[in-house]
Amino acid sequence: MGLFRVRVGLFQHSMWDEDVQADTNEEAEGKVKTGVWQDEYTKKIRTSLEIEDEVYDAEELCEDCLNLIDYCACDEKEDAGD
């Protein structure tokens, strides 16, 4: 059994309605945008999150040096020592 590094790409979105008091549409949107970036809606983001697409890419690692097999120099070092 080998050792692999798997790169995971999740493409996701989150959508919910937020009621805020404001004088204009722009002000309301600004308040919510600020709240999103200040982590005030973390729970709502997580509970409404949906994965739209996913990508997985596995590459084999050298078990000795933990480099990708394509970049492993272990065999070259052993050959140089012969």
PDB file of N, CA and C in Angstrom:
ATOM      1  N   MET A   1       0.850  -1.169   0.000  1.00  0.00           N
ATOM      2  CA  MET A   1       0.000   0.000   0.000  1.00  0.00           C
ATOM      3  C   MET A   1       0.901   1.239   0.000  1.00  0.00           C
ATOM      4  N   GLY A   2       0.557   2.232  -0.818  1.00  0.00           N
ATOM      5  CA  GLY A   2       1.370   3.430  -0.949  1.00  0.00           C
ATOM      6  C   GLY A   2       0.842   4.605  -0.138  1.00  0.00           C
ATOM      7  N   LEU A   3       1.599   5.691  -0.188  1.00  0.00           N
ATOM      8  CA  LEU A   3       1.239   6.923   0.500  1.00  0.00           C
ATOM      9  C   LEU A   3       0.878   7.957  -0.565  1.00  0.00           C
ATOM     10  N   PHE A   4      -0.252   8.628  -0.402  1.00  0.00           N
ATOM     11  CA  PHE A   4      -0.739   9.576  -1.399  1.00  0.00           C
ATOM     12  C   PHE A   4      -1.125  10.891  -0.739  1.00  0.00           C
ATOM     13  N   ARG A   5      -0.943  11.968  -1.488  1.00  0.00           N
ATOM     14  CA  ARG A   5      -1.439  13.285  -1.083  1.00  0.00           C
ATOM     15  C   ARG A   5      -2.622  13.598  -1.997  1.00  0.00           C
ATOM     16  N   VAL A   6      -3.763  13.868  -1.395  1.00  0.00           N
ATOM     17  CA  VAL A   6      -4.973  14.154  -2.169  1.00  0.00           C
ATOM     18  C   VAL A   6      -5.328  15.623  -2.003  1.00  0.00           C
ATOM     19  N   ARG A   7      -5.358  16.341  -3.117  1.00  0.00           N
ATOM     20  CA  ARG A   7      -5.805  17.739  -3.111  1.00  0.00           C
ATOM     21  C   ARG A   7      -7.321  17.724  -3.301  1.00  0.00           C
ATOM     22  N   VAL A   8      -8.021  18.397  -2.399  1.00  0.00           N
ATOM     23  CA  VAL A   8      -9.478  18.436  -2.413  1.00  0.00           C
ATOM     24  C   VAL A   8      -9.921  19.848  -2.776  1.00  0.00           C
ATOM     25  N   GLY A   9     -10.772  19.952  -3.774  1.00  0.00           N
ATOM     26  CA  GLY A   9     -11.365  21.232  -4.150  1.00  0.00           C
ATOM     27  C   GLY A   9     -12.871  21.139  -4.024  1.00  0.00           C
ATOM     28  N   LEU A  10     -13.435  21.946  -3.147  1.00  0.00           N
ATOM     29  CA  LEU A  10     -14.885  21.980  -2.982  1.00  0.00           C
ATOM     30  C   LEU A  10     -15.389  23.340  -3.436  1.00  0.00           C
ATOM     31  N   PHE A  11     -16.311  23.319  -4.342  1.00  0.00           N
ATOM     32  CA  PHE A  11     -16.921  24.545  -4.847  1.00  0.00           C
ATOM     33  C   PHE A  11     -18.315  24.606  -4.241  1.00  0.00           C
ATOM     34  N   GLN A  12     -18.523  25.615  -3.415  1.00  0.00           N
ATOM     35  CA  GLN A  12     -19.750  25.651  -2.638  1.00  0.00           C
ATOM     36  C   GLN A  12     -20.344  27.051  -2.588  1.00  0.00           C
ATOM     37  N   HIS A  13     -21.596  27.096  -2.235  1.00  0.00           N
ATOM     38  CA  HIS A  13     -22.242  28.391  -2.062  1.00  0.00           C
ATOM     39  C   HIS A  13     -23.162  28.317  -0.850  1.00  0.00           C
ATOM     40  N   SER A  14     -23.494  29.478  -0.365  1.00  0.00           N
ATOM     41  CA  SER A  14     -24.371  29.599   0.781  1.00  0.00           C
ATOM     42  C   SER A  14     -25.338  30.747   0.499  1.00  0.00           C
ATOM     43  N   MET A  15     -26.623  30.522   0.766  1.00  0.00           N
ATOM     44  CA  MET A  15     -27.607  31.567   0.521  1.00  0.00           C
ATOM     45  C   MET A  15     -28.685  31.508   1.596  1.00  0.00           C
ATOM     46  N   TRP A  16     -28.983  32.667   2.147  1.00  0.00           N
ATOM     47  CA  TRP A  16     -30.050  32.802   3.129  1.00  0.00           C
ATOM     48  C   TRP A  16     -30.545  34.241   3.104  1.00  0.00           C
ATOM     49  N   ASP A  17     -31.663  34.484   3.755  1.00  0.00           N
ATOM     50  CA  ASP A  17     -32.219  35.836   3.865  1.00  0.00           C
ATOM     51  C   ASP A  17     -31.868  36.408   5.227  1.00  0.00           C
ATOM     52  N   GLU A  18     -31.507  37.681   5.238  1.00  0.00           N
ATOM     53  CA  GLU A  18     -31.159  38.363   6.481  1.00  0.00           C
ATOM     54  C   GLU A  18     -31.984  39.643   6.560  1.00  0.00           C
ATOM     55  N   ASP A  19     -32.733  39.828   7.644  1.00  0.00           N
ATOM     56  CA  ASP A  19     -33.532  41.042   7.849  1.00  0.00           C
ATOM     57  C   ASP A  19     -32.706  42.051   8.643  1.00  0.00           C
ATOM     58  N   VAL A  20     -32.527  43.253   8.075  1.00  0.00           N
ATOM     59  CA  VAL A  20     -31.787  44.316   8.759  1.00  0.00           C
ATOM     60  C   VAL A  20     -32.546  45.633   8.624  1.00  0.00           C
ATOM     61  N   GLN A  21     -32.375  46.482   9.593  1.00  0.00           N
ATOM     62  CA  GLN A  21     -32.975  47.822   9.527  1.00  0.00           C
ATOM     63  C   GLN A  21     -31.971  48.768   8.893  1.00  0.00           C
ATOM     64  N   ALA A  22     -32.431  49.518   7.882  1.00  0.00           N
ATOM     65  CA  ALA A  22     -31.566  50.473   7.190  1.00  0.00           C
ATOM     66  C   ALA A  22     -32.439  51.491   6.485  1.00  0.00           C
ATOM     67  N   ASP A  23     -31.831  52.597   6.068  1.00  0.00           N
ATOM     68  CA  ASP A  23     -32.560  53.642   5.357  1.00  0.00           C
ATOM     69  C   ASP A  23     -32.621  53.395   3.850  1.00  0.00           C
ATOM     70  N   THR A  24     -31.645  52.649   3.302  1.00  0.00           N
ATOM     71  CA  THR A  24     -31.607  52.394   1.859  1.00  0.00           C
ATOM     72  C   THR A  24     -31.184  50.954   1.591  1.00  0.00           C
ATOM     73  N   ASN A  25     -31.409  50.531   0.346  1.00  0.00           N
ATOM     74  CA  ASN A  25     -30.954  49.202  -0.073  1.00  0.00           C
ATOM     75  C   ASN A  25     -29.443  49.063   0.095  1.00  0.00           C
ATOM     76  N   GLU A  26     -28.730  50.117  -0.313  1.00  0.00           N
ATOM     77  CA  GLU A  26     -27.269  50.092  -0.251  1.00  0.00           C
ATOM     78  C   GLU A  26     -26.779  49.954   1.184  1.00  0.00           C
ATOM     79  N   GLU A  27     -27.422  50.665   2.089  1.00  0.00           N
ATOM     80  CA  GLU A  27     -27.037  50.588   3.499  1.00  0.00           C
ATOM     81  C   GLU A  27     -27.301  49.188   4.045  1.00  0.00           C
ATOM     82  N   ALA A  28     -28.460  48.629   3.693  1.00  0.00           N
ATOM     83  CA  ALA A  28     -28.795  47.274   4.153  1.00  0.00           C
ATOM     84  C   ALA A  28     -27.779  46.258   3.638  1.00  0.00           C
ATOM     85  N   GLU A  29     -27.471  46.340   2.345  1.00  0.00           N
ATOM     86  CA  GLU A  29     -26.491  45.422   1.776  1.00  0.00           C
ATOM     87  C   GLU A  29     -25.115  45.615   2.414  1.00  0.00           C
ATOM     88  N   GLY A  30     -24.744  46.866   2.669  1.00  0.00           N
ATOM     89  CA  GLY A  30     -23.468  47.163   3.302  1.00  0.00           C
ATOM     90  C   GLY A  30     -23.364  46.581   4.703  1.00  0.00           C
ATOM     91  N   LYS A  31     -24.449  46.690   5.465  1.00  0.00           N
ATOM     92  CA  LYS A  31     -24.458  46.127   6.821  1.00  0.00           C
ATOM     93  C   LYS A  31     -24.261  44.614   6.780  1.00  0.00           C
ATOM     94  N   VAL A  32     -24.973  43.954   5.871  1.00  0.00           N
ATOM     95  CA  VAL A  32     -24.861  42.497   5.794  1.00  0.00           C
ATOM     96  C   VAL A  32     -23.479  42.094   5.278  1.00  0.00           C
ATOM     97  N   LYS A  33     -22.972  42.816   4.289  1.00  0.00           N
ATOM     98  CA  LYS A  33     -21.634  42.495   3.766  1.00  0.00           C
ATOM     99  C   LYS A  33     -20.592  42.630   4.871  1.00  0.00           C
ATOM    100  N   THR A  34     -20.674  43.685   5.642  1.00  0.00           N
ATOM    101  CA  THR A  34     -19.753  43.872   6.765  1.00  0.00           C
ATOM    102  C   THR A  34     -19.885  42.719   7.761  1.00  0.00           C
ATOM    103  N   GLY A  35     -21.120  42.327   8.039  1.00  0.00           N
ATOM    104  CA  GLY A  35     -21.358  41.213   8.958  1.00  0.00           C
ATOM    105  C   GLY A  35     -20.778  39.908   8.469  1.00  0.00           C
ATOM    106  N   VAL A  36     -20.865  39.680   7.163  1.00  0.00           N
ATOM    107  CA  VAL A  36     -20.288  38.454   6.593  1.00  0.00           C
ATOM    108  C   VAL A  36     -18.783  38.440   6.820  1.00  0.00           C
ATOM    109  N   TRP A  37     -18.112  39.541   6.496  1.00  0.00           N
ATOM    110  CA  TRP A  37     -16.641  39.595   6.590  1.00  0.00           C
ATOM    111  C   TRP A  37     -16.149  39.718   8.024  1.00  0.00           C
ATOM    112  N   GLN A  38     -17.025  40.069   8.957  1.00  0.00           N
ATOM    113  CA  GLN A  38     -16.642  40.116  10.369  1.00  0.00           C
ATOM    114  C   GLN A  38     -17.120  38.865  11.109  1.00  0.00           C
ATOM    115  N   ASP A  39     -17.482  37.836  10.353  1.00  0.00           N
ATOM    116  CA  ASP A  39     -17.867  36.524  10.893  1.00  0.00           C
ATOM    117  C   ASP A  39     -19.085  36.556  11.809  1.00  0.00           C
ATOM    118  N   GLU A  40     -19.984  37.498  11.573  1.00  0.00           N
ATOM    119  CA  GLU A  40     -21.203  37.565  12.371  1.00  0.00           C
ATOM    120  C   GLU A  40     -22.244  36.533  11.913  1.00  0.00           C
ATOM    121  N   TYR A  41     -22.065  35.995  10.716  1.00  0.00           N
ATOM    122  CA  TYR A  41     -23.042  35.047  10.162  1.00  0.00           C
ATOM    123  C   TYR A  41     -22.453  33.658   9.954  1.00  0.00           C
ATOM    124  N   THR A  42     -21.405  33.332  10.679  1.00  0.00           N
ATOM    125  CA  THR A  42     -20.709  32.060  10.480  1.00  0.00           C
ATOM    126  C   THR A  42     -21.660  30.869  10.575  1.00  0.00           C
ATOM    127  N   LYS A  43     -22.501  30.857  11.582  1.00  0.00           N
ATOM    128  CA  LYS A  43     -23.429  29.727  11.765  1.00  0.00           C
ATOM    129  C   LYS A  43     -24.410  29.639  10.596  1.00  0.00           C
ATOM    130  N   LYS A  44     -24.937  30.770  10.154  1.00  0.00           N
ATOM    131  CA  LYS A  44     -25.879  30.759   9.024  1.00  0.00           C
ATOM    132  C   LYS A  44     -25.183  30.310   7.747  1.00  0.00           C
ATOM    133  N   ILE A  45     -23.945  30.749   7.567  1.00  0.00           N
ATOM    134  CA  ILE A  45     -23.195  30.326   6.376  1.00  0.00           C
ATOM    135  C   ILE A  45     -23.020  28.817   6.388  1.00  0.00           C
ATOM    136  N   ARG A  46     -22.604  28.286   7.511  1.00  0.00           N
ATOM    137  CA  ARG A  46     -22.348  26.836   7.603  1.00  0.00           C
ATOM    138  C   ARG A  46     -23.617  26.013   7.440  1.00  0.00           C
ATOM    139  N   THR A  47     -24.717  26.470   8.025  1.00  0.00           N
ATOM    140  CA  THR A  47     -25.943  25.665   7.953  1.00  0.00           C
ATOM    141  C   THR A  47     -26.606  25.732   6.579  1.00  0.00           C
ATOM    142  N   SER A  48     -26.292  26.761   5.791  1.00  0.00           N
ATOM    143  CA  SER A  48     -26.913  26.871   4.470  1.00  0.00           C
ATOM    144  C   SER A  48     -25.953  26.470   3.337  1.00  0.00           C
ATOM    145  N   LEU A  49     -24.768  26.033   3.691  1.00  0.00           N
ATOM    146  CA  LEU A  49     -23.740  25.709   2.710  1.00  0.00           C
ATOM    147  C   LEU A  49     -24.114  24.484   1.879  1.00  0.00           C
ATOM    148  N   GLU A  50     -23.966  24.599   0.575  1.00  0.00           N
ATOM    149  CA  GLU A  50     -24.208  23.478  -0.335  1.00  0.00           C
ATOM    150  C   GLU A  50     -23.006  23.306  -1.247  1.00  0.00           C
ATOM    151  N   ILE A  51     -22.564  22.067  -1.395  1.00  0.00           N
ATOM    152  CA  ILE A  51     -21.455  21.774  -2.301  1.00  0.00           C
ATOM    153  C   ILE A  51     -22.020  21.630  -3.703  1.00  0.00           C
ATOM    154  N   GLU A  52     -21.521  22.448  -4.627  1.00  0.00           N
ATOM    155  CA  GLU A  52     -21.980  22.415  -6.016  1.00  0.00           C
ATOM    156  C   GLU A  52     -21.132  21.486  -6.874  1.00  0.00           C
ATOM    157  N   ASP A  53     -19.852  21.419  -6.564  1.00  0.00           N
ATOM    158  CA  ASP A  53     -18.942  20.580  -7.346  1.00  0.00           C
ATOM    159  C   ASP A  53     -17.766  20.211  -6.462  1.00  0.00           C
ATOM    160  N   GLU A  54     -17.089  19.144  -6.832  1.00  0.00           N
ATOM    161  CA  GLU A  54     -15.931  18.693  -6.066  1.00  0.00           C
ATOM    162  C   GLU A  54     -14.897  18.106  -7.010  1.00  0.00           C
ATOM    163  N   VAL A  55     -13.625  18.283  -6.634  1.00  0.00           N
ATOM    164  CA  VAL A  55     -12.516  17.781  -7.433  1.00  0.00           C
ATOM    165  C   VAL A  55     -11.529  17.122  -6.481  1.00  0.00           C
ATOM    166  N   TYR A  56     -11.032  15.952  -6.863  1.00  0.00           N
ATOM    167  CA  TYR A  56     -10.031  15.244  -6.071  1.00  0.00           C
ATOM    168  C   TYR A  56      -8.878  14.871  -6.991  1.00  0.00           C
ATOM    169  N   ASP A  57      -7.655  15.121  -6.534  1.00  0.00           N
ATOM    170  CA  ASP A  57      -6.481  14.813  -7.339  1.00  0.00           C
ATOM    171  C   ASP A  57      -5.430  14.181  -6.426  1.00  0.00           C
ATOM    172  N   ALA A  58      -5.180  12.890  -6.626  1.00  0.00           N
ATOM    173  CA  ALA A  58      -4.234  12.158  -5.787  1.00  0.00           C
ATOM    174  C   ALA A  58      -2.897  12.015  -6.499  1.00  0.00           C
ATOM    175  N   GLU A  59      -1.820  12.232  -5.731  1.00  0.00           N
ATOM    176  CA  GLU A  59      -0.471  12.032  -6.241  1.00  0.00           C
ATOM    177  C   GLU A  59       0.295  11.197  -5.224  1.00  0.00           C
ATOM    178  N   GLU A  60       1.083  10.277  -5.730  1.00  0.00           N
ATOM    179  CA  GLU A  60       1.833   9.379  -4.848  1.00  0.00           C
ATOM    180  C   GLU A  60       3.032  10.104  -4.239  1.00  0.00           C
ATOM    181  N   LEU A  61       3.281   9.802  -2.956  1.00  0.00           N
ATOM    182  CA  LEU A  61       4.419  10.372  -2.243  1.00  0.00           C
ATOM    183  C   LEU A  61       5.466   9.292  -1.995  1.00  0.00           C
ATOM    184  N   CYS A  62       6.717   9.705  -1.936  1.00  0.00           N
ATOM    185  CA  CYS A  62       7.791   8.822  -1.507  1.00  0.00           C
ATOM    186  C   CYS A  62       7.655   8.653   0.007  1.00  0.00           C
ATOM    187  N   GLU A  63       7.623   7.451   0.472  1.00  0.00           N
ATOM    188  CA  GLU A  63       7.438   7.223   1.903  1.00  0.00           C
ATOM    189  C   GLU A  63       8.683   7.564   2.712  1.00  0.00           C
ATOM    190  N   ASP A  64       9.837   7.688   2.060  1.00  0.00           N
ATOM    191  CA  ASP A  64      11.069   8.018   2.775  1.00  0.00           C
ATOM    192  C   ASP A  64      11.239   9.524   2.963  1.00  0.00           C
ATOM    193  N   CYS A  65      11.092  10.289   1.875  1.00  0.00           N
ATOM    194  CA  CYS A  65      11.347  11.733   1.955  1.00  0.00           C
ATOM    195  C   CYS A  65      10.072  12.573   1.937  1.00  0.00           C
ATOM    196  N   LEU A  66       8.917  11.956   1.696  1.00  0.00           N
ATOM    197  CA  LEU A  66       7.603  12.597   1.661  1.00  0.00           C
ATOM    198  C   LEU A  66       7.457  13.617   0.539  1.00  0.00           C
ATOM    199  N   ASN A  67       8.328  13.563  -0.451  1.00  0.00           N
ATOM    200  CA  ASN A  67       8.179  14.368  -1.661  1.00  0.00           C
ATOM    201  C   ASN A  67       7.302  13.614  -2.643  1.00  0.00           C
ATOM    202  N   LEU A  68       6.729  14.344  -3.600  1.00  0.00           N
ATOM    203  CA  LEU A  68       5.982  13.672  -4.663  1.00  0.00           C
ATOM    204  C   LEU A  68       6.928  12.734  -5.395  1.00  0.00           C
ATOM    205  N   ILE A  69       6.428  11.592  -5.814  1.00  0.00           N
ATOM    206  CA  ILE A  69       7.256  10.591  -6.495  1.00  0.00           C
ATOM    207  C   ILE A  69       7.994  11.206  -7.677  1.00  0.00           C
ATOM    208  N   ASP A  70       7.328  12.098  -8.414  1.00  0.00           N
ATOM    209  CA  ASP A  70       7.962  12.723  -9.576  1.00  0.00           C
ATOM    210  C   ASP A  70       9.162  13.583  -9.194  1.00  0.00           C
ATOM    211  N   TYR A  71       9.234  14.036  -7.954  1.00  0.00           N
ATOM    212  CA  TYR A  71      10.320  14.915  -7.507  1.00  0.00           C
ATOM    213  C   TYR A  71      11.228  14.244  -6.473  1.00  0.00           C
ATOM    214  N   CYS A  72      11.063  12.976  -6.252  1.00  0.00           N
ATOM    215  CA  CYS A  72      11.842  12.238  -5.261  1.00  0.00           C
ATOM    216  C   CYS A  72      13.259  12.012  -5.781  1.00  0.00           C
ATOM    217  N   ALA A  73      14.227  12.268  -4.907  1.00  0.00           N
ATOM    218  CA  ALA A  73      15.633  12.064  -5.273  1.00  0.00           C
ATOM    219  C   ALA A  73      16.228  10.889  -4.507  1.00  0.00           C
ATOM    220  N   CYS A  74      15.422  10.152  -3.781  1.00  0.00           N
ATOM    221  CA  CYS A  74      15.933   9.043  -2.965  1.00  0.00           C
ATOM    222  C   CYS A  74      16.640   7.997  -3.811  1.00  0.00           C
ATOM    223  N   ASP A  75      16.041   7.614  -4.946  1.00  0.00           N
ATOM    224  CA  ASP A  75      16.670   6.602  -5.807  1.00  0.00           C
ATOM    225  C   ASP A  75      17.989   7.109  -6.359  1.00  0.00           C
ATOM    226  N   GLU A  76      18.080   8.401  -6.683  1.00  0.00           N
ATOM    227  CA  GLU A  76      19.315   8.976  -7.193  1.00  0.00           C
ATOM    228  C   GLU A  76      20.406   8.966  -6.142  1.00  0.00           C
ATOM    229  N   LYS A  77      20.027   9.235  -4.876  1.00  0.00           N
ATOM    230  CA  LYS A  77      21.003   9.210  -3.787  1.00  0.00           C
ATOM    231  C   LYS A  77      21.549   7.811  -3.586  1.00  0.00           C
ATOM    232  N   GLU A  78      20.629   6.809  -3.646  1.00  0.00           N
ATOM    233  CA  GLU A  78      21.063   5.419  -3.473  1.00  0.00           C
ATOM    234  C   GLU A  78      21.979   4.999  -4.607  1.00  0.00           C
ATOM    235  N   ASP A  79      21.653   5.404  -5.865  1.00  0.00           N
ATOM    236  CA  ASP A  79      22.486   5.068  -7.017  1.00  0.00           C
ATOM    237  C   ASP A  79      23.860   5.724  -6.913  1.00  0.00           C
ATOM    238  N   ALA A  80      23.922   6.943  -6.393  1.00  0.00           N
ATOM    239  CA  ALA A  80      25.187   7.657  -6.258  1.00  0.00           C
ATOM    240  C   ALA A  80      26.070   7.002  -5.208  1.00  0.00           C
ATOM    241  N   GLY A  81      25.487   6.327  -4.240  1.00  0.00           N
ATOM    242  CA  GLY A  81      26.252   5.685  -3.182  1.00  0.00           C
ATOM    243  C   GLY A  81      26.807   4.339  -3.576  1.00  0.00           C
ATOM    244  N   ASP A  82      26.371   3.794  -4.713  1.00  0.00           N
ATOM    245  CA  ASP A  82      26.851   2.460  -5.155  1.00  0.00           C
ATOM    246  C   ASP A  82      28.226   2.511  -5.720  1.00  0.00           C
TER     247      ASP A  82
END
